[in-house]
Amino acid sequence: MLSAAAMGALAIPLPILPDRIVTRLRGALAHDTATRHGISLTSDARALLASVESEQNAGRAIARRAAEVIGFAILKRGLGPLGAITNVARALEVFAFGHLFDRYVTQVRRSGAVRIHAEEARKIRETIDRAFLHAFSPMLRPTPITLPDTVEDLRDEFTRWMDSAILTGASLPSYVERRLEAAFDEVVSHDG
C-alpha cells in the first residue's frame, strides 16, 4: 500500500513535495518495521533510513531527479507509459526498502540492542541500496519456485494463454521479492 502511495506522490507536479511524501512514507515504514521487532530508531537513524537519497549517492540523486522531470514532462504530454516508469521505480524502491529492512532485522542484525543508532542505520541503508541495484543484475539467480507435477491439461489453447497471463501477473510480486532477497543475501555475504 505504501508503494502505491509513493507512486501517487510522484504524480504531484510540485518539485519538492513528492520527495517529502516519499520520505514520510519511508520513515513510517522504518518505524513500523522496527517496532514490530521491539526495536526503536533514534531520530538520526530514522532520518537516514527515510531519506529519499542516501548520503553517498548524490550523483544518482541528480540523475534520478532529471529522469523524474523528463518522465513527468513525457507523461504530461500524453506519451503514455514512459512517464510512469519513474513512479514505478520509486514505488519499487519503497517496497524494497520495507522488505529488506525487515529482512535485515530478522536475519542479519546481530546486535541485541533495542535501539538503532545513526551508524547502524547508515550501514543498513548502504546495504539495502546496494542490494536494490544488484537485484537488476542479469547474473542474479533468485531461488526458483518448485511447482508440483502437472495433471492432464484439458483446457483449450485460448484458456491456457489467458491463465498463463493472469498467473504470471499474480506471481510478479513473489518474483520481485525473491530477486530482492537473493540480491540482499549476496550483498550481505560479500560484506562478510
N, C-alpha and C. Protein backbone atom coordinates (compact mmCIF):
# COMPACT_ATOMS: atom_id res chain seq x y z
N MET A 1 0.82 -1.18 0.00
CA MET A 1 0.00 0.00 0.00
C MET A 1 0.87 1.25 0.00
N LEU A 2 1.96 1.21 0.78
CA LEU A 2 2.84 2.37 0.82
C LEU A 2 3.55 2.57 -0.51
N SER A 3 3.79 1.50 -1.23
CA SER A 3 4.39 1.62 -2.57
C SER A 3 3.44 2.34 -3.51
N ALA A 4 2.16 2.04 -3.40
CA ALA A 4 1.16 2.73 -4.23
C ALA A 4 1.09 4.21 -3.86
N ALA A 5 1.21 4.50 -2.57
CA ALA A 5 1.21 5.90 -2.14
C ALA A 5 2.43 6.63 -2.69
N ALA A 6 3.58 5.94 -2.75
CA ALA A 6 4.79 6.55 -3.32
C ALA A 6 4.58 6.85 -4.79
N MET A 7 3.92 5.95 -5.52
CA MET A 7 3.63 6.20 -6.93
C MET A 7 2.73 7.41 -7.09
N GLY A 8 1.73 7.50 -6.24
CA GLY A 8 0.81 8.62 -6.30
C GLY A 8 1.49 9.94 -5.96
N ALA A 9 2.43 9.91 -5.04
CA ALA A 9 3.14 11.12 -4.64
C ALA A 9 3.91 11.72 -5.80
N LEU A 10 4.44 10.88 -6.65
CA LEU A 10 5.23 11.37 -7.78
C LEU A 10 4.36 12.00 -8.86
N ALA A 11 3.08 11.75 -8.80
CA ALA A 11 2.19 12.35 -9.80
C ALA A 11 1.89 13.80 -9.48
N ILE A 12 2.26 14.23 -8.26
CA ILE A 12 2.03 15.62 -7.87
C ILE A 12 3.05 16.49 -8.60
N PRO A 13 2.60 17.49 -9.34
CA PRO A 13 3.51 18.25 -10.20
C PRO A 13 4.37 19.30 -9.50
N LEU A 14 4.45 19.29 -8.18
CA LEU A 14 5.32 20.22 -7.47
C LEU A 14 6.68 19.58 -7.27
N PRO A 15 7.78 20.32 -7.44
CA PRO A 15 9.10 19.70 -7.45
C PRO A 15 9.57 19.11 -6.13
N ILE A 16 9.21 19.66 -4.98
CA ILE A 16 9.75 19.19 -3.71
C ILE A 16 8.79 18.26 -2.98
N LEU A 17 7.51 18.46 -3.13
CA LEU A 17 6.51 17.73 -2.37
C LEU A 17 6.60 16.21 -2.52
N PRO A 18 6.77 15.65 -3.72
CA PRO A 18 6.84 14.18 -3.82
C PRO A 18 7.96 13.58 -2.98
N ASP A 19 9.14 14.19 -2.98
CA ASP A 19 10.24 13.66 -2.18
C ASP A 19 9.91 13.69 -0.70
N ARG A 20 9.25 14.73 -0.27
CA ARG A 20 8.87 14.82 1.15
C ARG A 20 7.85 13.76 1.52
N ILE A 21 6.90 13.53 0.64
CA ILE A 21 5.90 12.50 0.92
C ILE A 21 6.56 11.12 0.97
N VAL A 22 7.43 10.83 0.01
CA VAL A 22 8.11 9.53 -0.01
C VAL A 22 9.00 9.39 1.23
N THR A 23 9.65 10.48 1.65
CA THR A 23 10.46 10.44 2.87
C THR A 23 9.58 10.10 4.07
N ARG A 24 8.41 10.69 4.14
CA ARG A 24 7.48 10.39 5.24
C ARG A 24 7.03 8.93 5.19
N LEU A 25 6.75 8.43 3.98
CA LEU A 25 6.34 7.03 3.83
C LEU A 25 7.45 6.09 4.29
N ARG A 26 8.67 6.37 3.85
CA ARG A 26 9.80 5.53 4.25
C ARG A 26 10.03 5.60 5.76
N GLY A 27 9.87 6.78 6.34
CA GLY A 27 10.05 6.93 7.78
C GLY A 27 9.02 6.12 8.56
N ALA A 28 7.77 6.19 8.12
CA ALA A 28 6.71 5.42 8.76
C ALA A 28 6.97 3.92 8.62
N LEU A 29 7.43 3.52 7.46
CA LEU A 29 7.74 2.12 7.21
C LEU A 29 8.90 1.65 8.08
N ALA A 30 9.94 2.46 8.21
CA ALA A 30 11.08 2.12 9.06
C ALA A 30 10.63 2.00 10.51
N HIS A 31 9.85 2.95 10.96
CA HIS A 31 9.36 2.92 12.35
C HIS A 31 8.51 1.68 12.59
N ASP A 32 7.57 1.40 11.70
CA ASP A 32 6.69 0.25 11.86
C ASP A 32 7.48 -1.05 11.88
N THR A 33 8.41 -1.19 10.96
CA THR A 33 9.21 -2.42 10.90
C THR A 33 10.02 -2.59 12.17
N ALA A 34 10.67 -1.53 12.62
CA ALA A 34 11.49 -1.61 13.83
C ALA A 34 10.63 -1.95 15.05
N THR A 35 9.51 -1.27 15.21
CA THR A 35 8.69 -1.52 16.40
C THR A 35 8.07 -2.91 16.40
N ARG A 36 7.76 -3.45 15.24
CA ARG A 36 7.23 -4.82 15.19
C ARG A 36 8.24 -5.83 15.72
N HIS A 37 9.52 -5.46 15.71
CA HIS A 37 10.58 -6.34 16.20
C HIS A 37 11.14 -5.87 17.55
N GLY A 38 10.44 -4.95 18.21
CA GLY A 38 10.85 -4.50 19.53
C GLY A 38 12.07 -3.60 19.52
N ILE A 39 12.29 -2.89 18.43
CA ILE A 39 13.46 -2.02 18.29
C ILE A 39 12.96 -0.59 18.09
N SER A 40 13.72 0.36 18.62
CA SER A 40 13.39 1.76 18.37
C SER A 40 14.48 2.39 17.52
N LEU A 41 14.14 3.47 16.86
CA LEU A 41 15.08 4.20 16.00
C LEU A 41 15.36 5.57 16.61
N THR A 42 16.62 5.95 16.64
CA THR A 42 16.92 7.33 17.04
C THR A 42 16.44 8.24 15.91
N SER A 43 16.31 9.51 16.21
CA SER A 43 15.86 10.48 15.19
C SER A 43 16.82 10.50 14.00
N ASP A 44 18.13 10.45 14.28
CA ASP A 44 19.12 10.44 13.21
C ASP A 44 19.01 9.17 12.36
N ALA A 45 18.79 8.04 13.02
CA ALA A 45 18.67 6.77 12.29
C ALA A 45 17.44 6.79 11.39
N ARG A 46 16.33 7.28 11.92
CA ARG A 46 15.11 7.36 11.12
C ARG A 46 15.33 8.27 9.92
N ALA A 47 15.98 9.41 10.14
CA ALA A 47 16.23 10.35 9.04
C ALA A 47 17.10 9.70 7.96
N LEU A 48 18.12 8.96 8.35
CA LEU A 48 18.99 8.29 7.38
C LEU A 48 18.22 7.22 6.59
N LEU A 49 17.41 6.45 7.28
CA LEU A 49 16.65 5.39 6.61
C LEU A 49 15.53 5.95 5.74
N ALA A 50 14.93 7.04 6.17
CA ALA A 50 13.77 7.59 5.47
C ALA A 50 14.14 8.45 4.27
N SER A 51 15.33 8.99 4.27
CA SER A 51 15.73 9.91 3.21
C SER A 51 15.55 9.30 1.83
N VAL A 52 15.06 10.10 0.91
CA VAL A 52 14.84 9.63 -0.45
C VAL A 52 16.17 9.21 -1.09
N GLU A 53 17.21 9.95 -0.82
CA GLU A 53 18.53 9.64 -1.36
C GLU A 53 19.50 9.38 -0.23
N SER A 54 20.36 8.38 -0.39
CA SER A 54 21.37 8.13 0.61
C SER A 54 22.47 9.19 0.51
N GLU A 55 23.23 9.32 1.57
CA GLU A 55 24.29 10.34 1.62
C GLU A 55 25.34 10.14 0.54
N GLN A 56 25.60 8.90 0.17
CA GLN A 56 26.71 8.60 -0.72
C GLN A 56 26.35 8.64 -2.20
N ASN A 57 25.10 8.87 -2.53
CA ASN A 57 24.68 8.78 -3.93
C ASN A 57 24.17 10.11 -4.47
N ALA A 58 24.93 11.17 -4.27
CA ALA A 58 24.49 12.49 -4.75
C ALA A 58 24.35 12.51 -6.27
N GLY A 59 25.26 11.88 -6.99
CA GLY A 59 25.17 11.81 -8.45
C GLY A 59 23.93 11.06 -8.90
N ARG A 60 23.62 9.99 -8.20
CA ARG A 60 22.43 9.22 -8.52
C ARG A 60 21.17 10.03 -8.24
N ALA A 61 21.21 10.85 -7.20
CA ALA A 61 20.06 11.69 -6.86
C ALA A 61 19.78 12.69 -7.97
N ILE A 62 20.83 13.29 -8.51
CA ILE A 62 20.66 14.25 -9.61
C ILE A 62 20.13 13.54 -10.85
N ALA A 63 20.68 12.37 -11.15
CA ALA A 63 20.22 11.62 -12.32
C ALA A 63 18.76 11.20 -12.16
N ARG A 64 18.40 10.76 -10.96
CA ARG A 64 17.03 10.34 -10.73
C ARG A 64 16.08 11.52 -10.86
N ARG A 65 16.45 12.65 -10.29
CA ARG A 65 15.59 13.84 -10.36
C ARG A 65 15.40 14.27 -11.82
N ALA A 66 16.49 14.21 -12.60
CA ALA A 66 16.38 14.56 -14.02
C ALA A 66 15.45 13.58 -14.74
N ALA A 67 15.58 12.30 -14.44
CA ALA A 67 14.72 11.30 -15.06
C ALA A 67 13.26 11.53 -14.67
N GLU A 68 13.03 11.91 -13.41
CA GLU A 68 11.66 12.17 -12.98
C GLU A 68 11.07 13.39 -13.68
N VAL A 69 11.87 14.43 -13.82
CA VAL A 69 11.39 15.64 -14.51
C VAL A 69 11.07 15.31 -15.97
N ILE A 70 11.98 14.60 -16.63
CA ILE A 70 11.76 14.20 -18.03
C ILE A 70 10.55 13.28 -18.11
N GLY A 71 10.46 12.33 -17.19
CA GLY A 71 9.32 11.41 -17.17
C GLY A 71 8.02 12.14 -16.98
N PHE A 72 8.00 13.11 -16.07
CA PHE A 72 6.78 13.88 -15.84
C PHE A 72 6.42 14.69 -17.08
N ALA A 73 7.43 15.26 -17.74
CA ALA A 73 7.16 16.03 -18.97
C ALA A 73 6.57 15.13 -20.05
N ILE A 74 7.10 13.91 -20.15
CA ILE A 74 6.58 12.96 -21.13
C ILE A 74 5.15 12.57 -20.78
N LEU A 75 4.92 12.31 -19.49
CA LEU A 75 3.59 11.92 -19.04
C LEU A 75 2.58 13.05 -19.28
N LYS A 76 3.03 14.28 -19.01
CA LYS A 76 2.15 15.45 -19.18
C LYS A 76 1.77 15.62 -20.65
N ARG A 77 2.66 15.26 -21.55
CA ARG A 77 2.37 15.39 -22.99
C ARG A 77 1.53 14.22 -23.50
N GLY A 78 1.25 13.28 -22.62
CA GLY A 78 0.38 12.18 -23.02
C GLY A 78 1.10 11.13 -23.86
N LEU A 79 2.41 10.95 -23.62
CA LEU A 79 3.16 9.98 -24.41
C LEU A 79 3.15 8.59 -23.77
N GLY A 80 2.22 8.37 -22.91
CA GLY A 80 1.99 7.02 -22.43
C GLY A 80 2.84 6.57 -21.26
N PRO A 81 3.15 5.27 -21.23
CA PRO A 81 3.75 4.66 -20.06
C PRO A 81 5.21 5.06 -19.79
N LEU A 82 5.87 5.72 -20.72
CA LEU A 82 7.26 6.10 -20.47
C LEU A 82 7.38 7.02 -19.27
N GLY A 83 6.45 7.92 -19.10
CA GLY A 83 6.50 8.85 -17.97
C GLY A 83 6.22 8.18 -16.64
N ALA A 84 5.55 7.06 -16.65
CA ALA A 84 5.21 6.37 -15.40
C ALA A 84 6.35 5.50 -14.88
N ILE A 85 7.39 5.32 -15.66
CA ILE A 85 8.49 4.45 -15.24
C ILE A 85 9.13 4.95 -13.96
N THR A 86 9.34 6.26 -13.83
CA THR A 86 9.95 6.77 -12.61
C THR A 86 9.04 6.54 -11.40
N ASN A 87 7.74 6.64 -11.60
CA ASN A 87 6.81 6.38 -10.49
C ASN A 87 6.90 4.93 -10.04
N VAL A 88 6.93 4.03 -10.98
CA VAL A 88 7.02 2.61 -10.67
C VAL A 88 8.35 2.31 -9.98
N ALA A 89 9.42 2.90 -10.47
CA ALA A 89 10.74 2.68 -9.86
C ALA A 89 10.76 3.17 -8.42
N ARG A 90 10.18 4.33 -8.16
CA ARG A 90 10.15 4.85 -6.79
C ARG A 90 9.30 3.96 -5.90
N ALA A 91 8.16 3.51 -6.41
CA ALA A 91 7.31 2.62 -5.62
C ALA A 91 8.03 1.31 -5.32
N LEU A 92 8.74 0.79 -6.31
CA LEU A 92 9.51 -0.43 -6.10
C LEU A 92 10.60 -0.22 -5.06
N GLU A 93 11.20 0.95 -5.08
CA GLU A 93 12.23 1.27 -4.10
C GLU A 93 11.66 1.31 -2.68
N VAL A 94 10.48 1.88 -2.52
CA VAL A 94 9.84 1.92 -1.20
C VAL A 94 9.51 0.50 -0.75
N PHE A 95 8.96 -0.31 -1.64
CA PHE A 95 8.66 -1.70 -1.32
C PHE A 95 9.94 -2.44 -0.93
N ALA A 96 11.00 -2.27 -1.73
CA ALA A 96 12.27 -2.95 -1.46
C ALA A 96 12.83 -2.52 -0.11
N PHE A 97 12.76 -1.23 0.18
CA PHE A 97 13.27 -0.75 1.46
C PHE A 97 12.56 -1.46 2.62
N GLY A 98 11.24 -1.47 2.59
CA GLY A 98 10.49 -2.10 3.68
C GLY A 98 10.78 -3.59 3.79
N HIS A 99 10.78 -4.26 2.68
CA HIS A 99 11.01 -5.71 2.68
C HIS A 99 12.43 -6.05 3.15
N LEU A 100 13.41 -5.31 2.65
CA LEU A 100 14.80 -5.63 3.00
C LEU A 100 15.17 -5.14 4.40
N PHE A 101 14.56 -4.07 4.87
CA PHE A 101 14.80 -3.65 6.25
C PHE A 101 14.27 -4.71 7.21
N ASP A 102 13.10 -5.26 6.91
CA ASP A 102 12.57 -6.34 7.73
C ASP A 102 13.49 -7.56 7.68
N ARG A 103 14.00 -7.86 6.50
CA ARG A 103 14.92 -9.00 6.35
C ARG A 103 16.20 -8.75 7.15
N TYR A 104 16.68 -7.53 7.12
CA TYR A 104 17.89 -7.20 7.89
C TYR A 104 17.64 -7.44 9.39
N VAL A 105 16.53 -6.93 9.89
CA VAL A 105 16.23 -7.03 11.32
C VAL A 105 16.06 -8.49 11.73
N THR A 106 15.40 -9.29 10.90
CA THR A 106 15.10 -10.67 11.29
C THR A 106 16.24 -11.64 11.01
N GLN A 107 17.10 -11.36 10.02
CA GLN A 107 18.08 -12.37 9.64
C GLN A 107 19.54 -11.93 9.73
N VAL A 108 19.80 -10.65 9.72
CA VAL A 108 21.18 -10.19 9.65
C VAL A 108 21.64 -9.53 10.94
N ARG A 109 20.79 -8.77 11.56
CA ARG A 109 21.17 -7.97 12.72
C ARG A 109 21.65 -8.87 13.85
N ARG A 110 22.87 -8.61 14.30
CA ARG A 110 23.48 -9.41 15.37
C ARG A 110 23.37 -8.73 16.73
N SER A 111 23.21 -7.44 16.71
CA SER A 111 23.16 -6.67 17.95
C SER A 111 21.89 -6.97 18.72
N GLY A 112 22.03 -7.08 20.02
CA GLY A 112 20.86 -7.26 20.87
C GLY A 112 20.32 -5.95 21.38
N ALA A 113 20.92 -4.85 20.93
CA ALA A 113 20.48 -3.53 21.37
C ALA A 113 19.04 -3.28 20.94
N VAL A 114 18.33 -2.55 21.76
CA VAL A 114 16.93 -2.26 21.45
C VAL A 114 16.76 -0.96 20.69
N ARG A 115 17.88 -0.36 20.30
CA ARG A 115 17.82 0.92 19.58
C ARG A 115 18.81 0.88 18.41
N ILE A 116 18.35 1.37 17.28
CA ILE A 116 19.23 1.52 16.12
C ILE A 116 19.68 2.98 16.08
N HIS A 117 20.99 3.16 16.09
CA HIS A 117 21.58 4.50 16.04
C HIS A 117 21.98 4.83 14.60
N ALA A 118 22.45 6.05 14.40
CA ALA A 118 22.77 6.54 13.05
C ALA A 118 23.81 5.68 12.34
N GLU A 119 24.84 5.25 13.04
CA GLU A 119 25.90 4.47 12.38
C GLU A 119 25.36 3.14 11.83
N GLU A 120 24.55 2.45 12.61
CA GLU A 120 23.95 1.21 12.13
C GLU A 120 22.97 1.50 10.99
N ALA A 121 22.21 2.58 11.12
CA ALA A 121 21.26 2.95 10.06
C ALA A 121 22.00 3.24 8.76
N ARG A 122 23.15 3.87 8.85
CA ARG A 122 23.95 4.16 7.66
C ARG A 122 24.38 2.86 6.96
N LYS A 123 24.79 1.88 7.74
CA LYS A 123 25.18 0.57 7.18
C LYS A 123 23.98 -0.15 6.58
N ILE A 124 22.86 -0.09 7.28
CA ILE A 124 21.63 -0.72 6.77
C ILE A 124 21.25 -0.09 5.45
N ARG A 125 21.25 1.21 5.41
CA ARG A 125 20.87 1.95 4.21
C ARG A 125 21.78 1.61 3.04
N GLU A 126 23.07 1.58 3.30
CA GLU A 126 24.03 1.25 2.24
C GLU A 126 23.80 -0.17 1.72
N THR A 127 23.57 -1.10 2.62
CA THR A 127 23.33 -2.49 2.22
C THR A 127 22.05 -2.61 1.40
N ILE A 128 20.99 -1.96 1.83
CA ILE A 128 19.72 -2.01 1.11
C ILE A 128 19.85 -1.35 -0.26
N ASP A 129 20.50 -0.21 -0.33
CA ASP A 129 20.69 0.47 -1.62
C ASP A 129 21.49 -0.39 -2.59
N ARG A 130 22.56 -0.99 -2.10
CA ARG A 130 23.37 -1.86 -2.96
C ARG A 130 22.58 -3.08 -3.42
N ALA A 131 21.81 -3.67 -2.50
CA ALA A 131 21.00 -4.84 -2.86
C ALA A 131 19.93 -4.48 -3.89
N PHE A 132 19.32 -3.31 -3.74
CA PHE A 132 18.30 -2.88 -4.69
C PHE A 132 18.89 -2.77 -6.10
N LEU A 133 20.05 -2.17 -6.21
CA LEU A 133 20.70 -2.07 -7.53
C LEU A 133 21.13 -3.44 -8.04
N HIS A 134 21.62 -4.28 -7.15
CA HIS A 134 22.07 -5.62 -7.55
C HIS A 134 20.90 -6.50 -8.00
N ALA A 135 19.70 -6.21 -7.53
CA ALA A 135 18.52 -7.00 -7.91
C ALA A 135 18.27 -6.93 -9.41
N PHE A 136 18.79 -5.90 -10.08
CA PHE A 136 18.60 -5.75 -11.53
C PHE A 136 19.70 -6.43 -12.33
N SER A 137 20.65 -7.04 -11.66
CA SER A 137 21.76 -7.70 -12.33
C SER A 137 21.27 -8.93 -13.08
N PRO A 138 21.66 -9.09 -14.34
CA PRO A 138 21.24 -10.29 -15.07
C PRO A 138 21.93 -11.55 -14.55
N MET A 139 22.99 -11.39 -13.79
CA MET A 139 23.72 -12.54 -13.25
C MET A 139 23.05 -13.10 -11.99
N LEU A 140 22.14 -12.37 -11.41
CA LEU A 140 21.47 -12.78 -10.19
C LEU A 140 20.51 -13.93 -10.46
N ARG A 141 20.56 -14.93 -9.64
CA ARG A 141 19.69 -16.09 -9.78
C ARG A 141 18.87 -16.26 -8.51
N PRO A 142 17.61 -15.79 -8.51
CA PRO A 142 16.78 -15.97 -7.31
C PRO A 142 16.40 -17.43 -7.13
N THR A 143 15.98 -17.75 -5.94
CA THR A 143 15.55 -19.11 -5.64
C THR A 143 14.33 -19.45 -6.49
N PRO A 144 14.40 -20.55 -7.23
CA PRO A 144 13.23 -20.90 -8.06
C PRO A 144 12.10 -21.46 -7.21
N ILE A 145 10.91 -21.34 -7.73
CA ILE A 145 9.74 -21.92 -7.06
C ILE A 145 9.55 -23.33 -7.61
N THR A 146 9.40 -24.27 -6.73
CA THR A 146 9.17 -25.64 -7.14
C THR A 146 7.67 -25.85 -7.33
N LEU A 147 7.30 -26.19 -8.53
CA LEU A 147 5.88 -26.41 -8.84
C LEU A 147 5.59 -27.90 -8.83
N PRO A 148 4.40 -28.27 -8.39
CA PRO A 148 4.05 -29.70 -8.41
C PRO A 148 3.90 -30.19 -9.84
N ASP A 149 4.02 -31.51 -9.99
CA ASP A 149 3.82 -32.09 -11.32
C ASP A 149 2.42 -31.75 -11.82
N THR A 150 2.33 -31.48 -13.10
CA THR A 150 1.04 -31.10 -13.67
C THR A 150 0.18 -32.33 -13.92
N VAL A 151 -1.08 -32.10 -13.85
CA VAL A 151 -2.04 -33.15 -14.19
C VAL A 151 -2.45 -32.95 -15.64
N GLU A 152 -3.24 -33.82 -16.14
CA GLU A 152 -3.70 -33.72 -17.53
C GLU A 152 -4.37 -32.37 -17.74
N ASP A 153 -3.94 -31.66 -18.75
CA ASP A 153 -4.45 -30.32 -19.04
C ASP A 153 -5.55 -30.42 -20.10
N LEU A 154 -6.77 -30.14 -19.71
CA LEU A 154 -7.90 -30.27 -20.61
C LEU A 154 -8.40 -28.91 -21.11
N ARG A 155 -7.64 -27.85 -20.83
CA ARG A 155 -8.06 -26.52 -21.26
C ARG A 155 -7.77 -26.33 -22.75
N ASP A 156 -8.59 -25.46 -23.37
CA ASP A 156 -8.31 -25.12 -24.77
C ASP A 156 -7.14 -24.14 -24.81
N GLU A 157 -6.61 -23.89 -26.01
CA GLU A 157 -5.40 -23.05 -26.18
C GLU A 157 -5.61 -21.63 -25.65
N PHE A 158 -6.74 -21.01 -25.98
CA PHE A 158 -7.01 -19.66 -25.52
C PHE A 158 -7.04 -19.59 -23.99
N THR A 159 -7.69 -20.54 -23.35
CA THR A 159 -7.78 -20.57 -21.89
C THR A 159 -6.40 -20.75 -21.28
N ARG A 160 -5.56 -21.58 -21.88
CA ARG A 160 -4.19 -21.76 -21.38
C ARG A 160 -3.42 -20.45 -21.43
N TRP A 161 -3.53 -19.73 -22.54
CA TRP A 161 -2.82 -18.45 -22.68
C TRP A 161 -3.35 -17.43 -21.68
N MET A 162 -4.66 -17.36 -21.53
CA MET A 162 -5.25 -16.42 -20.57
C MET A 162 -4.83 -16.76 -19.14
N ASP A 163 -4.90 -18.03 -18.80
CA ASP A 163 -4.47 -18.46 -17.46
C ASP A 163 -3.00 -18.14 -17.22
N SER A 164 -2.18 -18.36 -18.23
CA SER A 164 -0.75 -18.05 -18.09
C SER A 164 -0.51 -16.57 -17.86
N ALA A 165 -1.22 -15.73 -18.60
CA ALA A 165 -1.08 -14.28 -18.43
C ALA A 165 -1.52 -13.84 -17.04
N ILE A 166 -2.63 -14.36 -16.59
CA ILE A 166 -3.16 -14.00 -15.26
C ILE A 166 -2.21 -14.46 -14.16
N LEU A 167 -1.77 -15.69 -14.24
CA LEU A 167 -0.91 -16.24 -13.20
C LEU A 167 0.48 -15.62 -13.21
N THR A 168 0.96 -15.24 -14.38
CA THR A 168 2.26 -14.55 -14.45
C THR A 168 2.16 -13.20 -13.76
N GLY A 169 1.10 -12.48 -14.01
CA GLY A 169 0.90 -11.20 -13.34
C GLY A 169 0.76 -11.36 -11.83
N ALA A 170 0.05 -12.41 -11.42
CA ALA A 170 -0.15 -12.64 -10.00
C ALA A 170 1.15 -13.05 -9.29
N SER A 171 2.04 -13.71 -10.01
CA SER A 171 3.29 -14.17 -9.38
C SER A 171 4.41 -13.14 -9.45
N LEU A 172 4.19 -12.03 -10.12
CA LEU A 172 5.22 -11.00 -10.25
C LEU A 172 5.71 -10.47 -8.90
N PRO A 173 4.83 -10.15 -7.94
CA PRO A 173 5.34 -9.68 -6.65
C PRO A 173 6.25 -10.71 -5.96
N SER A 174 5.91 -11.97 -6.06
CA SER A 174 6.74 -13.01 -5.47
C SER A 174 8.11 -13.07 -6.16
N TYR A 175 8.12 -12.92 -7.47
CA TYR A 175 9.38 -12.92 -8.22
C TYR A 175 10.25 -11.73 -7.81
N VAL A 176 9.63 -10.56 -7.66
CA VAL A 176 10.37 -9.37 -7.24
C VAL A 176 10.95 -9.59 -5.85
N GLU A 177 10.15 -10.13 -4.94
CA GLU A 177 10.64 -10.42 -3.58
C GLU A 177 11.83 -11.38 -3.61
N ARG A 178 11.72 -12.43 -4.39
CA ARG A 178 12.82 -13.41 -4.45
C ARG A 178 14.08 -12.79 -5.03
N ARG A 179 13.96 -11.92 -6.02
CA ARG A 179 15.13 -11.23 -6.58
C ARG A 179 15.75 -10.30 -5.54
N LEU A 180 14.92 -9.54 -4.85
CA LEU A 180 15.42 -8.64 -3.81
C LEU A 180 16.12 -9.42 -2.70
N GLU A 181 15.52 -10.51 -2.27
CA GLU A 181 16.12 -11.32 -1.22
C GLU A 181 17.44 -11.93 -1.66
N ALA A 182 17.50 -12.42 -2.88
CA ALA A 182 18.74 -13.01 -3.39
C ALA A 182 19.83 -11.94 -3.48
N ALA A 183 19.48 -10.76 -3.97
CA ALA A 183 20.45 -9.68 -4.07
C ALA A 183 20.93 -9.25 -2.70
N PHE A 184 20.01 -9.12 -1.75
CA PHE A 184 20.35 -8.72 -0.39
C PHE A 184 21.28 -9.75 0.25
N ASP A 185 20.93 -11.02 0.10
CA ASP A 185 21.76 -12.08 0.68
C ASP A 185 23.16 -12.09 0.09
N GLU A 186 23.28 -11.84 -1.22
CA GLU A 186 24.61 -11.77 -1.84
C GLU A 186 25.40 -10.58 -1.32
N VAL A 187 24.76 -9.43 -1.20
CA VAL A 187 25.46 -8.24 -0.69
C VAL A 187 25.92 -8.48 0.74
N VAL A 188 25.05 -9.04 1.58
CA VAL A 188 25.40 -9.29 2.98
C VAL A 188 26.53 -10.31 3.07
N SER A 189 26.46 -11.38 2.29
CA SER A 189 27.52 -12.40 2.36
C SER A 189 28.85 -11.86 1.83
N HIS A 190 28.78 -10.97 0.86
CA HIS A 190 30.00 -10.36 0.31
C HIS A 190 30.66 -9.45 1.35
N ASP A 191 29.82 -8.74 2.13
CA ASP A 191 30.35 -7.86 3.18
C ASP A 191 30.91 -8.64 4.34
N GLY A 192 30.48 -9.90 4.46
CA GLY A 192 31.02 -10.79 5.48
C GLY A 192 30.43 -10.52 6.79
